[in-house]
């Protein structure tokens, strides 16, 4: 993971809550989309003080939208660049404090923000997630989160990622799967852009196990359920499994999280040639859920779809992680055939 964005450990809901009152985090459990700011001039002033009022209004409008899923569309990025008169790397670095406020870090209190640029020109917000009470291997690093968000939005690739410090080795290996040629630029404020190949020389990559391509662009595989599906949550999990990337195990899988507000959040499994940096589908879905403004407490159903008879299964680790974040929800598992 990258370095914490602030020594004070900024908490997104607390910071945004304090914009409404001088009290200490009275709105700590309310997602951004539910907040109603009294004065647009104060909307993100404390969090992004160097941004112009017009830029903060654009960002607040985006955050308030019920359709927000961590993506800043290319058109909005263009408008922000025009208003701010910044370079794209400067804009991405400037957005890191906003990204970091989505962090869930109950173990380390070490909050991380990341911003990635997709091939479409859109930007994505990423952050770290730690699963309370579970081994540290269950954690999602900020770089993994932002790249998985770009993946779930169907990007054809990621050209750059902004971080608060040089990525750890775990994240470099994860990034290498999504940029096998090492061309992705790493942006750290105050330093010159650096290509991944410079941070991970003599990399072990997909080609070492006979692959000619990495995880991007996102490709779909035909998966066939045993019986027709009429359940929207199961269908969403199946769609996520079809988009999963599992070239080494063949164990395609996907998750759908349904919440009481009526949303469905998807997560695809993203495998890595080094195995351990692979990102399970539940963690990918949690990234989508958290950035959309839903918290663990509103989870109502979780469905896992995976290939029958595959070399590995996500079921046991998913049940363990789900039990830690939403103990009252039982995992529903569905198997399908490939082809």
Protein backbone atom coordinates (compact mmCIF):
# COMPACT_ATOMS: atom_id res chain seq x y z
CA UNK A 1 0.00 0.00 0.00
CA UNK A 2 1.00 3.62 -0.38
CA UNK A 3 1.70 6.03 2.43
CA UNK A 4 -1.18 7.36 4.54
CA UNK A 5 -2.58 10.58 3.08
CA UNK A 6 -2.43 12.41 6.38
CA UNK A 7 -0.84 11.83 9.72
CA UNK A 8 -4.18 12.79 11.27
CA UNK A 9 -5.94 9.82 9.66
CA UNK A 10 -8.69 11.70 7.84
CA UNK A 11 -12.05 9.91 7.94
CA UNK A 12 -14.33 10.72 5.00
CA UNK A 13 -17.64 10.76 6.81
CA UNK A 14 -16.25 12.65 9.78
CA UNK A 15 -14.62 15.33 7.62
CA UNK A 16 -17.72 15.79 5.52
CA UNK A 17 -19.86 15.80 8.62
CA UNK A 18 -17.78 18.58 10.16
CA UNK A 19 -18.50 20.71 7.10
CA UNK A 20 -22.08 20.86 8.32
CA UNK A 21 -21.43 21.63 11.95
CA UNK A 22 -18.68 22.35 14.42
CA UNK A 23 -19.60 19.15 16.28
CA UNK A 24 -17.42 16.06 16.17
CA UNK A 25 -18.64 13.77 13.44
CA UNK A 26 -22.37 13.85 14.20
CA UNK A 27 -23.06 12.46 10.73
CA UNK A 28 -20.41 9.75 10.85
CA UNK A 29 -22.69 6.97 9.69
CA UNK A 30 -24.25 8.82 6.75
CA UNK A 31 -22.88 8.24 3.25
CA UNK A 32 -21.83 11.23 1.15
CA UNK A 33 -24.80 10.77 -1.20
CA UNK A 34 -27.18 11.45 1.71
CA UNK A 35 -25.54 14.64 2.93
CA UNK A 36 -27.25 17.97 2.25
CA UNK A 37 -24.81 20.88 2.42
CA UNK A 38 -26.21 24.28 3.35
CA UNK A 39 -23.65 26.33 1.40
CA UNK A 40 -22.09 25.00 -1.84
CA UNK A 41 -19.07 27.23 -1.20
CA UNK A 42 -18.18 25.07 1.82
CA UNK A 43 -18.88 21.68 0.19
CA UNK A 44 -15.32 20.33 -0.01
CA UNK A 45 -13.37 23.31 1.28
CA UNK A 46 -11.75 21.52 4.19
CA UNK A 47 -10.78 18.51 2.10
CA UNK A 48 -9.63 20.19 -1.13
CA UNK A 49 -8.64 23.73 -0.08
CA UNK A 50 -6.48 24.34 -3.16
CA UNK A 51 -9.35 23.63 -5.57
CA UNK A 52 -11.55 26.39 -6.94
CA UNK A 53 -15.18 26.69 -5.81
CA UNK A 54 -16.47 25.64 -9.22
CA UNK A 55 -14.40 22.44 -9.12
CA UNK A 56 -15.60 21.58 -5.63
CA UNK A 57 -19.21 22.09 -6.75
CA UNK A 58 -18.68 19.71 -9.67
CA UNK A 59 -17.18 17.09 -7.39
CA UNK A 60 -19.89 17.45 -4.77
CA UNK A 61 -22.59 17.03 -7.41
CA UNK A 62 -20.87 13.85 -8.54
CA UNK A 63 -20.50 12.48 -4.99
CA UNK A 64 -24.16 13.20 -4.21
CA UNK A 65 -25.39 11.30 -7.26
CA UNK A 66 -26.99 7.92 -6.45
CA UNK A 67 -25.21 6.62 -9.57
CA UNK A 68 -21.72 7.45 -8.27
CA UNK A 69 -19.44 4.38 -8.25
CA UNK A 70 -16.01 5.89 -7.85
CA UNK A 71 -15.66 7.07 -11.43
CA UNK A 72 -15.03 10.68 -12.44
CA UNK A 73 -16.16 10.59 -16.10
CA UNK A 74 -13.83 11.85 -18.82
CA UNK A 75 -16.06 14.86 -19.49
CA UNK A 76 -15.90 15.97 -15.86
CA UNK A 77 -12.13 15.42 -15.84
CA UNK A 78 -11.85 17.72 -18.87
CA UNK A 79 -13.94 20.39 -17.11
CA UNK A 80 -11.86 20.12 -13.93
CA UNK A 81 -8.64 20.53 -15.89
CA UNK A 82 -10.08 23.60 -17.61
CA UNK A 83 -11.22 25.22 -14.37
CA UNK A 84 -8.14 24.33 -12.33
CA UNK A 85 -5.62 24.97 -15.11
CA UNK A 86 -3.58 22.07 -13.80
CA UNK A 87 -1.79 19.28 -15.56
CA UNK A 88 -3.46 15.88 -15.37
CA UNK A 89 -0.84 14.50 -12.94
CA UNK A 90 -1.37 17.53 -10.68
CA UNK A 91 -5.13 17.01 -10.76
CA UNK A 92 -4.78 13.32 -9.91
CA UNK A 93 -2.43 14.06 -7.01
CA UNK A 94 -4.77 16.82 -5.83
CA UNK A 95 -7.65 14.35 -5.60
CA UNK A 96 -5.78 11.91 -3.34
CA UNK A 97 -7.19 13.37 -0.08
CA UNK A 98 -10.74 12.86 -1.40
CA UNK A 99 -9.97 9.26 -2.38
CA UNK A 100 -8.47 8.52 1.02
CA UNK A 101 -11.62 9.49 2.88
CA UNK A 102 -13.30 6.28 1.65
CA UNK A 103 -10.69 4.18 3.46
CA UNK A 104 -11.75 1.47 5.92
CA UNK A 105 -8.67 0.77 8.07
CA UNK A 106 -9.80 -0.44 11.53
CA UNK A 107 -6.61 -2.44 12.12
CA UNK A 108 -3.84 -0.03 11.16
CA UNK A 109 -5.68 3.31 11.10
CA UNK A 110 -3.45 3.87 8.06
CA UNK A 111 -5.65 5.48 5.43
CA UNK A 112 -4.60 5.41 1.80
CA UNK A 113 -5.90 7.23 -1.27
CA UNK A 114 -5.16 6.44 -4.91
CA UNK A 115 -6.37 7.82 -8.25
CA UNK A 116 -6.11 6.00 -11.59
CA UNK A 117 -6.61 7.19 -15.17
CA UNK A 118 -8.39 4.77 -17.46
CA UNK A 119 -7.90 4.51 -21.21
CA UNK A 120 -11.26 6.27 -21.65
CA UNK A 121 -9.94 9.39 -19.90
CA UNK A 122 -12.04 8.79 -16.79
CA UNK A 123 -10.47 8.90 -13.33
CA UNK A 124 -11.14 6.41 -10.54
CA UNK A 125 -10.84 6.78 -6.78
CA UNK A 126 -9.20 4.04 -4.73
CA UNK A 127 -8.55 3.41 -1.03
CA UNK A 128 -7.47 0.64 1.31
CA UNK A 129 -9.82 -1.77 3.08
CA UNK A 130 -8.99 -3.90 6.12
CA UNK A 131 -11.35 -6.67 7.25
CA UNK A 132 -11.75 -6.48 11.05
CA UNK A 133 -10.57 -9.56 12.91
CA UNK A 134 -9.29 -11.28 9.79
CA UNK A 135 -5.69 -11.98 8.64
CA UNK A 136 -3.92 -9.09 6.98
CA UNK A 137 -3.92 -11.03 3.71
CA UNK A 138 -7.63 -10.20 3.45
CA UNK A 139 -6.77 -6.50 3.11
CA UNK A 140 -7.26 -4.59 -0.12
CA UNK A 141 -4.42 -2.20 -0.90
CA UNK A 142 -5.30 1.20 -2.33
CA UNK A 143 -3.69 0.41 -5.68
CA UNK A 144 -5.64 -2.85 -5.93
CA UNK A 145 -8.87 -1.04 -5.14
CA UNK A 146 -8.46 1.65 -7.78
CA UNK A 147 -7.38 -0.79 -10.49
CA UNK A 148 -10.25 -3.14 -9.68
CA UNK A 149 -12.65 -0.21 -9.95
CA UNK A 150 -11.35 0.61 -13.42
CA UNK A 151 -11.67 -3.09 -14.27
CA UNK A 152 -15.29 -3.26 -13.07
CA UNK A 153 -16.10 -0.19 -15.18
CA UNK A 154 -14.90 -2.03 -18.28
CA UNK A 155 -11.82 0.06 -18.98
CA UNK A 156 -9.53 -1.20 -21.74
CA UNK A 157 -6.50 -0.32 -19.67
CA UNK A 158 -5.01 2.09 -17.12
CA UNK A 159 -2.33 4.54 -18.18
CA UNK A 160 -1.41 6.15 -14.85
CA UNK A 161 -1.96 5.83 -11.12
CA UNK A 162 -1.36 8.52 -8.49
CA UNK A 163 -0.28 7.47 -5.02
CA UNK A 164 1.00 9.27 -1.95
CA UNK A 165 4.26 7.29 -1.97
CA UNK A 166 5.89 4.62 -4.13
CA UNK A 167 3.74 1.45 -4.12
CA UNK A 168 4.76 -1.53 -2.02
CA UNK A 169 6.05 -4.70 -3.69
CA UNK A 170 2.67 -6.43 -3.38
CA UNK A 171 1.00 -3.63 -5.33
CA UNK A 172 3.74 -3.48 -7.94
CA UNK A 173 3.15 -7.17 -8.64
CA UNK A 174 -0.61 -6.64 -8.84
CA UNK A 175 -0.16 -3.71 -11.23
CA UNK A 176 2.16 -5.75 -13.41
CA UNK A 177 -0.70 -8.15 -14.21
CA UNK A 178 -2.75 -5.24 -15.51
CA UNK A 179 0.19 -3.64 -17.32
CA UNK A 180 2.46 -6.51 -18.40
CA UNK A 181 4.71 -4.22 -20.43
CA UNK A 182 5.33 -2.05 -17.36
CA UNK A 183 4.12 1.07 -19.17
CA UNK A 184 1.74 2.33 -16.48
CA UNK A 185 2.99 5.62 -14.98
CA UNK A 186 3.33 5.99 -11.23
CA UNK A 187 2.66 9.55 -10.07
CA UNK A 188 3.93 10.74 -6.70
CA UNK A 189 3.64 14.41 -5.82
CA UNK A 190 7.00 16.14 -5.91
CA UNK A 191 8.64 13.43 -8.01
CA UNK A 192 8.95 12.85 -11.74
CA UNK A 193 6.54 10.28 -13.24
CA UNK A 194 8.01 6.78 -13.12
CA UNK A 195 7.05 3.79 -15.24
CA UNK A 196 6.19 0.55 -13.46
CA UNK A 197 9.03 -1.23 -15.27
CA UNK A 198 11.47 1.00 -13.39
CA UNK A 199 9.96 0.02 -10.03
CA UNK A 200 9.71 -3.68 -10.90
CA UNK A 201 12.74 -4.62 -13.02
CA UNK A 202 13.08 -8.19 -14.30
CA UNK A 203 9.42 -8.68 -13.44
CA UNK A 204 7.77 -12.08 -13.13
CA UNK A 205 4.69 -11.67 -15.29
CA UNK A 206 1.99 -13.44 -17.29
CA UNK A 207 4.44 -14.41 -20.05
CA UNK A 208 6.37 -16.53 -17.54
CA UNK A 209 3.36 -18.83 -17.28
CA UNK A 210 2.63 -18.82 -20.99
CA UNK A 211 0.24 -15.87 -21.17
CA UNK A 212 0.50 -13.28 -23.94
CA UNK A 213 -1.94 -10.81 -22.34
CA UNK A 214 -2.73 -9.42 -18.91
CA UNK A 215 -6.05 -8.65 -17.24
CA UNK A 216 -6.82 -5.68 -19.52
CA UNK A 217 -8.78 -5.38 -21.70
CA UNK A 218 -11.68 -6.98 -19.82
CA UNK A 219 -12.94 -10.07 -21.62
CA UNK A 220 -16.02 -12.21 -21.01
CA UNK A 221 -16.23 -15.99 -20.87
CA UNK A 222 -19.37 -17.99 -21.45
CA UNK A 223 -20.66 -19.49 -18.20
CA UNK A 224 -23.86 -21.53 -18.19
CA UNK A 225 -26.09 -21.94 -15.13
CA UNK A 226 -27.77 -25.28 -14.45
CA UNK A 227 -31.20 -23.67 -14.67
CA UNK A 228 -32.45 -20.34 -16.07
CA UNK A 229 -31.88 -17.39 -13.70
CA UNK A 230 -34.69 -15.00 -12.81
CA UNK A 231 -33.08 -13.57 -9.67
CA UNK A 232 -31.43 -10.17 -10.34
CA UNK A 233 -28.78 -10.63 -7.64
CA UNK A 234 -27.76 -14.07 -8.90
CA UNK A 235 -27.66 -12.71 -12.46
CA UNK A 236 -25.41 -9.86 -11.35
CA UNK A 237 -23.03 -12.34 -9.70
CA UNK A 238 -23.03 -14.45 -12.87
CA UNK A 239 -22.24 -11.40 -14.99
CA UNK A 240 -19.34 -10.57 -12.67
CA UNK A 241 -18.04 -14.14 -12.90
CA UNK A 242 -18.17 -13.97 -16.70
CA UNK A 243 -15.89 -10.91 -16.57
CA UNK A 244 -13.47 -12.41 -14.05
CA UNK A 245 -9.81 -12.99 -14.87
CA UNK A 246 -8.53 -16.40 -13.80
CA UNK A 247 -6.01 -17.66 -16.39
CA UNK A 248 -3.91 -19.67 -13.93
CA UNK A 249 -6.56 -21.58 -11.96
CA UNK A 250 -9.47 -21.38 -14.39
CA UNK A 251 -11.63 -20.71 -11.35
CA UNK A 252 -13.78 -17.88 -12.65
CA UNK A 253 -15.96 -16.34 -9.97
CA UNK A 254 -18.04 -13.30 -9.21
CA UNK A 255 -19.90 -11.74 -6.31
CA UNK A 256 -23.04 -9.63 -6.08
CA UNK A 257 -23.86 -7.69 -2.90
CA UNK A 258 -27.45 -6.53 -2.49
CA UNK A 259 -28.14 -3.72 -0.02
CA UNK A 260 -31.30 -2.58 1.71
CA UNK A 261 -31.33 0.73 -0.21
CA UNK A 262 -31.90 -1.44 -3.29
CA UNK A 263 -28.46 -1.36 -4.90
CA UNK A 264 -26.49 -4.29 -6.26
CA UNK A 265 -22.68 -4.13 -6.23
CA UNK A 266 -20.62 -6.51 -8.34
CA UNK A 267 -17.12 -7.87 -7.93
CA UNK A 268 -15.06 -10.02 -10.29
CA UNK A 269 -12.13 -12.22 -9.28
CA UNK A 270 -8.82 -10.77 -10.57
CA UNK A 271 -6.02 -13.33 -10.50
CA UNK A 272 -2.28 -12.69 -10.43
CA UNK A 273 0.61 -14.68 -11.84
CA UNK A 274 2.27 -14.56 -8.41
CA UNK A 275 -0.94 -15.95 -6.88
CA UNK A 276 -0.93 -14.13 -3.50
CA UNK A 277 -1.73 -10.64 -4.88
CA UNK A 278 -4.89 -12.06 -6.51
CA UNK A 279 -7.99 -10.07 -5.53
CA UNK A 280 -11.00 -12.15 -4.40
CA UNK A 281 -14.40 -11.19 -5.81
CA UNK A 282 -15.86 -10.17 -2.43
CA UNK A 283 -13.11 -7.61 -1.88
CA UNK A 284 -13.63 -6.24 -5.40
CA UNK A 285 -17.35 -5.90 -4.67
CA UNK A 286 -16.69 -4.20 -1.31
CA UNK A 287 -14.65 -1.54 -3.11
CA UNK A 288 -17.63 -0.82 -5.36
CA UNK A 289 -20.05 -0.83 -2.43
CA UNK A 290 -18.04 1.50 -0.19
CA UNK A 291 -17.28 4.09 -2.86
CA UNK A 292 -20.98 4.13 -3.80
CA UNK A 293 -21.82 5.22 -0.24
CA UNK A 294 -23.20 1.96 1.18
CA UNK A 295 -21.83 0.64 4.46
CA UNK A 296 -21.51 -2.90 5.79
CA UNK A 297 -24.64 -2.48 7.88
CA UNK A 298 -26.94 -2.27 4.84
CA UNK A 299 -25.86 -5.55 3.23
CA UNK A 300 -28.91 -7.80 2.78
CA UNK A 301 -27.68 -10.58 0.46
CA UNK A 302 -24.39 -11.82 -0.95
CA UNK A 303 -24.26 -14.28 -3.85
CA UNK A 304 -21.12 -16.05 -5.05
CA UNK A 305 -21.07 -17.62 -8.52
CA UNK A 306 -18.15 -19.85 -9.47
CA UNK A 307 -17.27 -22.63 -11.88
CA UNK A 308 -18.23 -26.10 -10.77
CA UNK A 309 -15.26 -28.39 -10.12
CA UNK A 310 -12.61 -25.66 -10.48
CA UNK A 311 -9.15 -26.11 -8.94
CA UNK A 312 -9.88 -23.58 -6.21
CA UNK A 313 -12.98 -22.15 -4.56
CA UNK A 314 -13.68 -18.73 -3.08
CA UNK A 315 -16.38 -20.02 -0.75
CA UNK A 316 -14.51 -20.47 2.54
CA UNK A 317 -12.57 -17.20 2.41
CA UNK A 318 -15.71 -15.34 1.33
CA UNK A 319 -17.67 -16.76 4.27
CA UNK A 320 -14.90 -15.74 6.67
CA UNK A 321 -14.66 -12.18 5.37
CA UNK A 322 -18.44 -11.78 5.12
CA UNK A 323 -18.84 -13.01 8.69
CA UNK A 324 -16.48 -10.25 9.84
CA UNK A 325 -18.26 -7.38 8.06
CA UNK A 326 -21.88 -8.58 8.11
CA UNK A 327 -22.31 -11.50 10.47
CA UNK A 328 -26.07 -11.81 9.98
CA UNK A 329 -25.85 -12.42 6.23
CA UNK A 330 -25.35 -15.96 4.96
CA UNK A 331 -23.45 -16.48 1.74
CA UNK A 332 -25.45 -17.93 -1.15
CA UNK A 333 -23.27 -20.03 -3.46
CA UNK A 334 -24.17 -20.96 -7.03
CA UNK A 335 -22.07 -23.10 -9.38
CA UNK A 336 -22.09 -22.89 -13.16
CA UNK A 337 -20.45 -24.69 -16.07
CA UNK A 338 -17.90 -23.05 -18.33
CA UNK A 339 -18.89 -22.98 -21.99
